[in-house]
Amino acid sequence: MSEKKTIGVLADFGAGDFALAGGKGANLGELVRQGFPVPAGFVVTTDASATLLAEGGLCARLHNYRLRALPCGARESGRGGFVASPPSLLAGLDGS
């Protein structure tokens, strides 16, 4: 059984790695591969991030904060996010 990749340098990722590296990681990796001047960096994969959030209990806490912060009239988008009108979804994340 092979282990899932958890981290890699930008050049390890490219345009086809959106699900593994996220949009920013995949796009920056593709720029590196194409020879554009991109500062050295690394990517923590989406699987590693999800595991950290879930096993550390942070995922549930963030979900609760996000639900508390929803402005009146907001609804789930069906894609893991929310469709909302002002005020910002960030309102209330400080625990207020």
C-alpha atoms as a PDB file:
ATOM      1  CA  MET A   1       0.000   0.000   0.000  1.00  0.00           C
ATOM      2  CA  SER A   2       1.464   3.370  -0.994  1.00  0.00           C
ATOM      3  CA  GLU A   3       1.244   6.380   1.253  1.00  0.00           C
ATOM      4  CA  LYS A   4      -0.531   9.487   0.034  1.00  0.00           C
ATOM      5  CA  LYS A   5       1.630  12.480  -0.759  1.00  0.00           C
ATOM      6  CA  THR A   6       1.327  15.059   2.015  1.00  0.00           C
ATOM      7  CA  ILE A   7       3.805  17.754   0.981  1.00  0.00           C
ATOM      8  CA  GLY A   8       5.950  18.675  -1.993  1.00  0.00           C
ATOM      9  CA  VAL A   9       7.852  21.526  -3.605  1.00  0.00           C
ATOM     10  CA  LEU A  10       5.936  23.649  -6.103  1.00  0.00           C
ATOM     11  CA  ALA A  11       7.593  22.003  -9.099  1.00  0.00           C
ATOM     12  CA  ASP A  12       6.061  18.662  -8.009  1.00  0.00           C
ATOM     13  CA  PHE A  13       2.619  19.976  -8.989  1.00  0.00           C
ATOM     14  CA  GLY A  14       1.057  21.238 -12.195  1.00  0.00           C
ATOM     15  CA  ALA A  15      -2.193  22.231 -13.856  1.00  0.00           C
ATOM     16  CA  GLY A  16      -3.564  18.686 -13.575  1.00  0.00           C
ATOM     17  CA  ASP A  17      -3.077  18.556  -9.812  1.00  0.00           C
ATOM     18  CA  PHE A  18      -5.900  20.852  -8.696  1.00  0.00           C
ATOM     19  CA  ALA A  19      -7.566  18.173  -6.538  1.00  0.00           C
ATOM     20  CA  LEU A  20      -4.250  17.254  -4.899  1.00  0.00           C
ATOM     21  CA  ALA A  21      -2.621  20.658  -4.477  1.00  0.00           C
ATOM     22  CA  GLY A  22      -5.536  23.090  -4.563  1.00  0.00           C
ATOM     23  CA  GLY A  23      -5.841  25.892  -7.073  1.00  0.00           C
ATOM     24  CA  LYS A  24      -2.997  28.063  -5.849  1.00  0.00           C
ATOM     25  CA  GLY A  25      -0.550  25.171  -5.440  1.00  0.00           C
ATOM     26  CA  ALA A  26      -1.365  23.670  -8.842  1.00  0.00           C
ATOM     27  CA  ASN A  27      -1.175  27.013 -10.640  1.00  0.00           C
ATOM     28  CA  LEU A  28       2.066  28.109  -8.972  1.00  0.00           C
ATOM     29  CA  GLY A  29       3.549  24.690  -9.700  1.00  0.00           C
ATOM     30  CA  GLU A  30       2.573  25.025 -13.357  1.00  0.00           C
ATOM     31  CA  LEU A  31       4.222  28.458 -13.518  1.00  0.00           C
ATOM     32  CA  VAL A  32       7.431  26.953 -12.097  1.00  0.00           C
ATOM     33  CA  ARG A  33       7.282  24.145 -14.668  1.00  0.00           C
ATOM     34  CA  GLN A  34       6.869  26.696 -17.465  1.00  0.00           C
ATOM     35  CA  GLY A  35       9.947  28.612 -16.307  1.00  0.00           C
ATOM     36  CA  PHE A  36       8.298  31.664 -14.783  1.00  0.00           C
ATOM     37  CA  PRO A  37      10.115  33.309 -11.863  1.00  0.00           C
ATOM     38  CA  VAL A  38       8.233  32.049  -8.813  1.00  0.00           C
ATOM     39  CA  PRO A  39       9.705  32.209  -5.309  1.00  0.00           C
ATOM     40  CA  ALA A  40      10.608  28.819  -3.851  1.00  0.00           C
ATOM     41  CA  GLY A  41       7.751  27.267  -1.959  1.00  0.00           C
ATOM     42  CA  PHE A  42       5.952  24.106  -0.973  1.00  0.00           C
ATOM     43  CA  VAL A  43       2.441  22.715  -0.982  1.00  0.00           C
ATOM     44  CA  VAL A  44       0.652  20.909   1.827  1.00  0.00           C
ATOM     45  CA  THR A  45      -1.749  18.658  -0.068  1.00  0.00           C
ATOM     46  CA  THR A  46      -5.492  18.829   0.287  1.00  0.00           C
ATOM     47  CA  ASP A  47      -5.540  15.314   1.789  1.00  0.00           C
ATOM     48  CA  ALA A  48      -3.000  16.307   4.438  1.00  0.00           C
ATOM     49  CA  SER A  49      -4.916  19.490   5.238  1.00  0.00           C
ATOM     50  CA  ALA A  50      -8.218  17.628   5.509  1.00  0.00           C
ATOM     51  CA  THR A  51      -6.678  14.999   7.775  1.00  0.00           C
ATOM     52  CA  LEU A  52      -5.168  17.651  10.042  1.00  0.00           C
ATOM     53  CA  LEU A  53      -8.453  19.535  10.287  1.00  0.00           C
ATOM     54  CA  ALA A  54     -10.498  16.404  10.981  1.00  0.00           C
ATOM     55  CA  GLU A  55      -8.164  14.645  13.414  1.00  0.00           C
ATOM     56  CA  GLY A  56      -7.319  17.831  15.276  1.00  0.00           C
ATOM     57  CA  GLY A  57     -10.981  18.661  15.858  1.00  0.00           C
ATOM     58  CA  LEU A  58     -10.538  21.985  14.108  1.00  0.00           C
ATOM     59  CA  CYS A  59     -12.893  21.076  11.273  1.00  0.00           C
ATOM     60  CA  ALA A  60     -15.898  20.801  13.579  1.00  0.00           C
ATOM     61  CA  ARG A  61     -14.996  24.021  15.386  1.00  0.00           C
ATOM     62  CA  LEU A  62     -14.622  25.955  12.118  1.00  0.00           C
ATOM     63  CA  HIS A  63     -17.919  24.557  10.875  1.00  0.00           C
ATOM     64  CA  ASN A  64     -19.664  25.751  14.035  1.00  0.00           C
ATOM     65  CA  TYR A  65     -18.090  29.209  13.740  1.00  0.00           C
ATOM     66  CA  ARG A  66     -19.091  29.428  10.097  1.00  0.00           C
ATOM     67  CA  LEU A  67     -22.690  28.515  10.876  1.00  0.00           C
ATOM     68  CA  ARG A  68     -22.842  31.072  13.689  1.00  0.00           C
ATOM     69  CA  ALA A  69     -21.415  33.742  11.395  1.00  0.00           C
ATOM     70  CA  LEU A  70     -23.985  33.315   8.650  1.00  0.00           C
ATOM     71  CA  PRO A  71     -25.925  36.495   8.027  1.00  0.00           C
ATOM     72  CA  CYS A  72     -29.717  36.321   7.853  1.00  0.00           C
ATOM     73  CA  GLY A  73     -30.869  34.907   4.543  1.00  0.00           C
ATOM     74  CA  ALA A  74     -27.660  32.985   3.822  1.00  0.00           C
ATOM     75  CA  ARG A  75     -27.981  29.457   2.548  1.00  0.00           C
ATOM     76  CA  GLU A  76     -25.643  26.577   1.760  1.00  0.00           C
ATOM     77  CA  SER A  77     -24.414  26.625  -1.843  1.00  0.00           C
ATOM     78  CA  GLY A  78     -24.266  22.830  -2.162  1.00  0.00           C
ATOM     79  CA  ARG A  79     -20.541  23.044  -2.961  1.00  0.00           C
ATOM     80  CA  GLY A  80     -19.235  23.199   0.594  1.00  0.00           C
ATOM     81  CA  GLY A  81     -19.667  26.955   0.863  1.00  0.00           C
ATOM     82  CA  PHE A  82     -22.438  29.432   1.397  1.00  0.00           C
ATOM     83  CA  VAL A  83     -24.237  31.999  -0.693  1.00  0.00           C
ATOM     84  CA  ALA A  84     -24.634  35.087   1.419  1.00  0.00           C
ATOM     85  CA  SER A  85     -25.278  38.772   1.312  1.00  0.00           C
ATOM     86  CA  PRO A  86     -23.394  41.326   3.443  1.00  0.00           C
ATOM     87  CA  PRO A  87     -22.305  41.351   6.222  1.00  0.00           C
ATOM     88  CA  SER A  88     -19.286  39.217   5.527  1.00  0.00           C
ATOM     89  CA  LEU A  89     -19.137  35.563   6.547  1.00  0.00           C
ATOM     90  CA  LEU A  90     -16.138  36.548   8.629  1.00  0.00           C
ATOM     91  CA  ALA A  91     -18.359  38.443  11.032  1.00  0.00           C
ATOM     92  CA  GLY A  92     -18.434  36.675  14.372  1.00  0.00           C
ATOM     93  CA  LEU A  93     -15.394  34.485  13.817  1.00  0.00           C
ATOM     94  CA  ASP A  94     -13.715  36.205  16.732  1.00  0.00           C
ATOM     95  CA  GLY A  95     -16.238  34.501  19.017  1.00  0.00           C
ATOM     96  CA  SER A  96     -18.482  37.537  19.461  1.00  0.00           C
END
